[in-house]
Amino acid sequence: MSRSARCSWAGHAVRLGGLVEQGSVVKESDGITTRFRVTDLKKSLLVAYKGVLPDLFREGQGVVVEGTLLADGSFHANEVLAKHDEKYMPPEVAKALKANGEWRPEAQGQQQPASSSP
């Protein structure tokens, strides 16, 4: 996200989706704040969240965060949704992952639906 785009969205409620960047998750000493980066594999954004993270939250996994973009370009999340399936992330992020060869349904726990005969 460009600096001018960040400034225009600062203070607004935003939903952001992508992958939790590898090596970016840091638990703060207060025991309730977690900082991590969300990436689309081209750019990333620092996210801060206070609360209990979902069980599926992991580095390299899909995530959707809802909250507020701050003037400094970081993101304060009010909610974190960690998902293993492209239907829970913005379509443009899933498309970018596929285009970059990073989308691995088998690694994401996604299975092909079984075909059945009528």
C-alpha atoms as a PDB file:
ATOM      1  CA  MET A   1       0.000   0.000   0.000  1.00  0.00           C
ATOM      2  CA  SER A   2       1.470   3.345  -0.983  1.00  0.00           C
ATOM      3  CA  ARG A   3       2.013   6.075   1.575  1.00  0.00           C
ATOM      4  CA  SER A   4      -0.675   8.289  -0.004  1.00  0.00           C
ATOM      5  CA  ALA A   5      -3.162   5.375   0.047  1.00  0.00           C
ATOM      6  CA  ARG A   6      -2.346   4.731   3.722  1.00  0.00           C
ATOM      7  CA  CYS A   7      -2.939   8.395   4.574  1.00  0.00           C
ATOM      8  CA  SER A   8      -6.317   8.454   2.827  1.00  0.00           C
ATOM      9  CA  TRP A   9      -7.446   5.322   4.721  1.00  0.00           C
ATOM     10  CA  ALA A  10      -6.005   6.357   8.117  1.00  0.00           C
ATOM     11  CA  GLY A  11      -8.646   6.312  10.829  1.00  0.00           C
ATOM     12  CA  HIS A  12     -11.135   4.312   8.749  1.00  0.00           C
ATOM     13  CA  ALA A  13     -12.430   0.816   9.460  1.00  0.00           C
ATOM     14  CA  VAL A  14     -10.726  -1.602   7.074  1.00  0.00           C
ATOM     15  CA  ARG A  15     -10.767  -5.343   6.344  1.00  0.00           C
ATOM     16  CA  LEU A  16      -7.380  -6.667   5.284  1.00  0.00           C
ATOM     17  CA  GLY A  17      -6.577 -10.148   4.006  1.00  0.00           C
ATOM     18  CA  GLY A  18      -3.452 -12.043   3.090  1.00  0.00           C
ATOM     19  CA  LEU A  19      -0.907 -14.375   4.641  1.00  0.00           C
ATOM     20  CA  VAL A  20       0.744 -14.070   8.030  1.00  0.00           C
ATOM     21  CA  GLU A  21       4.332 -13.343   7.027  1.00  0.00           C
ATOM     22  CA  GLN A  22       6.866 -15.987   8.048  1.00  0.00           C
ATOM     23  CA  GLY A  23       8.995 -14.905  11.032  1.00  0.00           C
ATOM     24  CA  SER A  24       6.869 -11.844  11.787  1.00  0.00           C
ATOM     25  CA  VAL A  25       4.811 -12.950  14.806  1.00  0.00           C
ATOM     26  CA  VAL A  26       5.923 -11.327  18.077  1.00  0.00           C
ATOM     27  CA  LYS A  27       4.122 -11.732  21.418  1.00  0.00           C
ATOM     28  CA  GLU A  28       4.487  -8.650  23.612  1.00  0.00           C
ATOM     29  CA  SER A  29       5.458  -8.874  27.290  1.00  0.00           C
ATOM     30  CA  ASP A  30       1.937  -7.869  28.402  1.00  0.00           C
ATOM     31  CA  GLY A  31       0.790 -11.353  27.353  1.00  0.00           C
ATOM     32  CA  ILE A  32      -2.191 -10.120  25.345  1.00  0.00           C
ATOM     33  CA  THR A  33      -0.709  -8.116  22.454  1.00  0.00           C
ATOM     34  CA  THR A  34       0.576  -9.819  19.327  1.00  0.00           C
ATOM     35  CA  ARG A  35       2.264  -8.044  16.430  1.00  0.00           C
ATOM     36  CA  PHE A  36       2.597  -9.641  13.006  1.00  0.00           C
ATOM     37  CA  ARG A  37       2.787  -8.720   9.348  1.00  0.00           C
ATOM     38  CA  VAL A  38       0.119  -9.501   6.745  1.00  0.00           C
ATOM     39  CA  THR A  39       1.454  -9.892   3.218  1.00  0.00           C
ATOM     40  CA  ASP A  40       0.211 -10.430  -0.321  1.00  0.00           C
ATOM     41  CA  LEU A  41       3.783 -11.561  -1.188  1.00  0.00           C
ATOM     42  CA  LYS A  42       4.577  -8.158  -2.705  1.00  0.00           C
ATOM     43  CA  LYS A  43       4.011  -5.820   0.238  1.00  0.00           C
ATOM     44  CA  SER A  44       3.260  -6.291   3.903  1.00  0.00           C
ATOM     45  CA  LEU A  45       1.625  -4.334   6.689  1.00  0.00           C
ATOM     46  CA  LEU A  46       2.348  -4.429  10.430  1.00  0.00           C
ATOM     47  CA  VAL A  47      -0.692  -5.462  12.492  1.00  0.00           C
ATOM     48  CA  ALA A  48      -1.166  -5.196  16.275  1.00  0.00           C
ATOM     49  CA  TYR A  49      -3.878  -7.207  18.008  1.00  0.00           C
ATOM     50  CA  LYS A  50      -4.856  -7.447  21.686  1.00  0.00           C
ATOM     51  CA  GLY A  51      -6.669 -10.640  22.541  1.00  0.00           C
ATOM     52  CA  VAL A  52      -6.706 -14.374  22.049  1.00  0.00           C
ATOM     53  CA  LEU A  53      -5.777 -15.426  18.526  1.00  0.00           C
ATOM     54  CA  PRO A  54      -7.820 -18.104  16.730  1.00  0.00           C
ATOM     55  CA  ASP A  55      -6.563 -21.705  16.860  1.00  0.00           C
ATOM     56  CA  LEU A  56      -5.811 -21.699  13.117  1.00  0.00           C
ATOM     57  CA  PHE A  57      -3.585 -18.592  13.336  1.00  0.00           C
ATOM     58  CA  ARG A  58      -0.087 -19.479  12.099  1.00  0.00           C
ATOM     59  CA  GLU A  59       2.719 -17.987  10.069  1.00  0.00           C
ATOM     60  CA  GLY A  60       2.242 -18.707   6.386  1.00  0.00           C
ATOM     61  CA  GLN A  61      -1.515 -19.213   6.775  1.00  0.00           C
ATOM     62  CA  GLY A  62      -4.349 -17.072   5.441  1.00  0.00           C
ATOM     63  CA  VAL A  63      -5.752 -14.386   7.694  1.00  0.00           C
ATOM     64  CA  VAL A  64      -8.373 -11.657   7.573  1.00  0.00           C
ATOM     65  CA  VAL A  65      -8.052  -8.791  10.052  1.00  0.00           C
ATOM     66  CA  GLU A  66     -10.623  -6.114  10.717  1.00  0.00           C
ATOM     67  CA  GLY A  67      -9.720  -2.855  12.392  1.00  0.00           C
ATOM     68  CA  THR A  68      -8.273   0.583  11.780  1.00  0.00           C
ATOM     69  CA  LEU A  69      -5.377   1.737   9.660  1.00  0.00           C
ATOM     70  CA  LEU A  70      -3.273   4.196  11.668  1.00  0.00           C
ATOM     71  CA  ALA A  71      -1.586   7.339  10.346  1.00  0.00           C
ATOM     72  CA  ASP A  72       1.874   5.732  10.728  1.00  0.00           C
ATOM     73  CA  GLY A  73       0.843   2.990   8.274  1.00  0.00           C
ATOM     74  CA  SER A  74       0.389   0.253  10.862  1.00  0.00           C
ATOM     75  CA  PHE A  75      -2.894  -1.532  11.504  1.00  0.00           C
ATOM     76  CA  HIS A  76      -4.777  -1.952  14.797  1.00  0.00           C
ATOM     77  CA  ALA A  77      -6.928  -5.087  14.540  1.00  0.00           C
ATOM     78  CA  ASN A  78     -10.150  -5.484  16.496  1.00  0.00           C
ATOM     79  CA  GLU A  79     -10.738  -8.962  15.077  1.00  0.00           C
ATOM     80  CA  VAL A  80      -8.513 -11.658  13.586  1.00  0.00           C
ATOM     81  CA  LEU A  81      -9.959 -14.460  11.462  1.00  0.00           C
ATOM     82  CA  ALA A  82      -7.457 -17.174  10.585  1.00  0.00           C
ATOM     83  CA  LYS A  83      -8.628 -19.396   7.787  1.00  0.00           C
ATOM     84  CA  HIS A  84      -7.232 -22.206   5.709  1.00  0.00           C
ATOM     85  CA  ASP A  85      -9.430 -21.731   2.685  1.00  0.00           C
ATOM     86  CA  GLU A  86      -9.447 -19.138  -0.112  1.00  0.00           C
ATOM     87  CA  LYS A  87     -13.158 -18.447   0.393  1.00  0.00           C
ATOM     88  CA  TYR A  88     -12.251 -16.589   3.598  1.00  0.00           C
ATOM     89  CA  MET A  89      -9.757 -14.209   2.022  1.00  0.00           C
ATOM     90  CA  PRO A  90     -10.299 -11.455  -0.500  1.00  0.00           C
ATOM     91  CA  PRO A  91     -10.459 -12.894  -4.043  1.00  0.00           C
ATOM     92  CA  GLU A  92      -7.615 -10.662  -5.250  1.00  0.00           C
ATOM     93  CA  VAL A  93      -5.293 -12.067  -2.549  1.00  0.00           C
ATOM     94  CA  ALA A  94      -6.161 -15.675  -3.449  1.00  0.00           C
ATOM     95  CA  LYS A  95      -5.590 -14.819  -7.118  1.00  0.00           C
ATOM     96  CA  ALA A  96      -2.185 -13.252  -6.349  1.00  0.00           C
ATOM     97  CA  LEU A  97      -1.149 -16.301  -4.320  1.00  0.00           C
ATOM     98  CA  LYS A  98      -2.140 -18.604  -7.176  1.00  0.00           C
ATOM     99  CA  ALA A  99      -0.365 -16.418  -9.758  1.00  0.00           C
ATOM    100  CA  ASN A 100       2.832 -16.496  -7.695  1.00  0.00           C
ATOM    101  CA  GLY A 101       2.651 -20.267  -7.270  1.00  0.00           C
ATOM    102  CA  GLU A 102       2.197 -19.873  -3.501  1.00  0.00           C
ATOM    103  CA  TRP A 103      -1.341 -21.247  -3.246  1.00  0.00           C
ATOM    104  CA  ARG A 104      -1.124 -24.831  -2.002  1.00  0.00           C
ATOM    105  CA  PRO A 105      -4.604 -26.206  -1.262  1.00  0.00           C
ATOM    106  CA  GLU A 106      -3.171 -29.459   0.112  1.00  0.00           C
ATOM    107  CA  ALA A 107      -1.023 -27.498   2.586  1.00  0.00           C
ATOM    108  CA  GLN A 108      -3.980 -25.338   3.519  1.00  0.00           C
ATOM    109  CA  GLY A 109      -6.085 -28.335   4.563  1.00  0.00           C
ATOM    110  CA  GLN A 110      -8.395 -27.880   1.597  1.00  0.00           C
ATOM    111  CA  GLN A 111      -9.584 -31.006  -0.109  1.00  0.00           C
ATOM    112  CA  GLN A 112     -11.208 -31.466  -3.468  1.00  0.00           C
ATOM    113  CA  PRO A 113     -14.905 -32.276  -3.120  1.00  0.00           C
ATOM    114  CA  ALA A 114     -15.723 -35.920  -3.703  1.00  0.00           C
ATOM    115  CA  SER A 115     -17.789 -36.549  -6.791  1.00  0.00           C
ATOM    116  CA  SER A 116     -20.889 -38.591  -6.393  1.00  0.00           C
ATOM    117  CA  SER A 117     -23.094 -40.312  -8.884  1.00  0.00           C
ATOM    118  CA  PRO A 118     -26.795 -39.461  -8.900  1.00  0.00           C
END
